[in-house]
Amino acid sequence: MSKDNTLEHLVEHHHRNSAIKVVKLSCNFGKKVALSVGIDYASGAAIIQIAAICNLEQRFAHCLQQRNAIASR
């Protein structure tokens, strides 16, 4: 489990917006495997990769704003 409760925060966002998918891996398989699994699991018009998270709430909100701006074009 992460020290910053990343999974819990992402699940909260999923409950508010079912278009957000969350994949929980059984252990740390590394970045390449995690991204591959996420891409395989994803559906929709966009995939947002968040590789380095300093402030999850701010970064996630920013990504959603960008996605909404692109979608409204």
Protein backbone atom coordinates (compact mmCIF):
# COMPACT_ATOMS: atom_id res chain seq x y z
CA MET A 1 0.00 0.00 0.00
CA SER A 2 1.29 3.46 -0.86
CA LYS A 3 2.13 6.01 1.78
CA ASP A 4 -0.02 8.67 0.08
CA ASN A 5 -3.19 6.52 -0.34
CA THR A 6 -3.00 6.79 -4.12
CA LEU A 7 -5.33 3.84 -4.73
CA GLU A 8 -7.97 5.18 -2.37
CA HIS A 9 -7.89 8.61 -4.05
CA LEU A 10 -8.21 7.08 -7.51
CA VAL A 11 -11.11 4.85 -6.42
CA GLU A 12 -12.88 7.94 -5.06
CA HIS A 13 -12.50 9.60 -8.48
CA HIS A 14 -13.82 6.44 -10.16
CA HIS A 15 -16.92 6.52 -7.94
CA ARG A 16 -17.57 10.10 -9.08
CA ASN A 17 -16.83 9.38 -12.74
CA SER A 18 -17.23 5.82 -14.03
CA ALA A 19 -15.17 6.68 -17.14
CA ILE A 20 -12.10 6.67 -14.87
CA LYS A 21 -10.66 3.16 -14.67
CA VAL A 22 -8.47 1.97 -11.80
CA VAL A 23 -6.35 -1.19 -11.98
CA LYS A 24 -4.83 -2.58 -8.78
CA LEU A 25 -1.87 -4.87 -9.37
CA SER A 26 -1.01 -7.56 -6.83
CA CYS A 27 2.54 -6.23 -6.41
CA ASN A 28 5.05 -3.83 -7.94
CA PHE A 29 5.79 -5.33 -11.37
CA GLY A 30 7.54 -2.19 -12.58
CA LYS A 31 6.52 0.76 -14.73
CA LYS A 32 6.54 -1.01 -18.12
CA VAL A 33 4.28 -3.86 -16.99
CA ALA A 34 1.96 -1.49 -15.14
CA LEU A 35 1.58 0.75 -18.20
CA SER A 36 1.01 -2.25 -20.46
CA VAL A 37 -1.73 -3.60 -18.19
CA GLY A 38 -3.33 -0.16 -17.96
CA ILE A 39 -3.32 0.29 -21.72
CA ASP A 40 -4.79 -3.21 -22.23
CA TYR A 41 -7.54 -2.44 -19.69
CA ALA A 42 -8.32 1.05 -21.03
CA SER A 43 -11.19 2.02 -23.28
CA GLY A 44 -12.30 5.33 -24.68
CA ALA A 45 -10.71 8.15 -26.64
CA ALA A 46 -7.82 9.00 -24.32
CA ILE A 47 -5.36 7.38 -21.94
CA ILE A 48 -3.73 9.61 -19.33
CA GLN A 49 -0.44 8.37 -17.91
CA ILE A 50 0.61 9.82 -14.57
CA ALA A 51 4.18 8.60 -14.04
CA ALA A 52 5.46 10.76 -11.21
CA ILE A 53 2.94 11.88 -8.64
CA CYS A 54 3.86 14.67 -6.24
CA ASN A 55 0.39 15.96 -5.51
CA LEU A 56 -2.16 13.45 -6.79
CA GLU A 57 -5.23 15.66 -6.41
CA GLN A 58 -3.73 18.61 -8.32
CA ARG A 59 -2.21 16.51 -11.09
CA PHE A 60 -5.36 14.45 -11.60
CA ALA A 61 -7.58 17.54 -11.68
CA HIS A 62 -5.22 19.14 -14.21
CA CYS A 63 -5.33 16.03 -16.44
CA LEU A 64 -9.13 15.99 -16.32
CA GLN A 65 -9.28 19.69 -17.24
CA GLN A 66 -7.01 19.06 -20.22
CA ARG A 67 -9.09 16.06 -21.31
CA ASN A 68 -12.29 18.10 -21.08
CA ALA A 69 -10.73 20.95 -23.07
CA ILE A 70 -9.67 18.53 -25.83
CA ALA A 71 -13.06 16.79 -25.83
CA SER A 72 -14.94 20.08 -26.22
CA ARG A 73 -13.07 21.08 -29.40
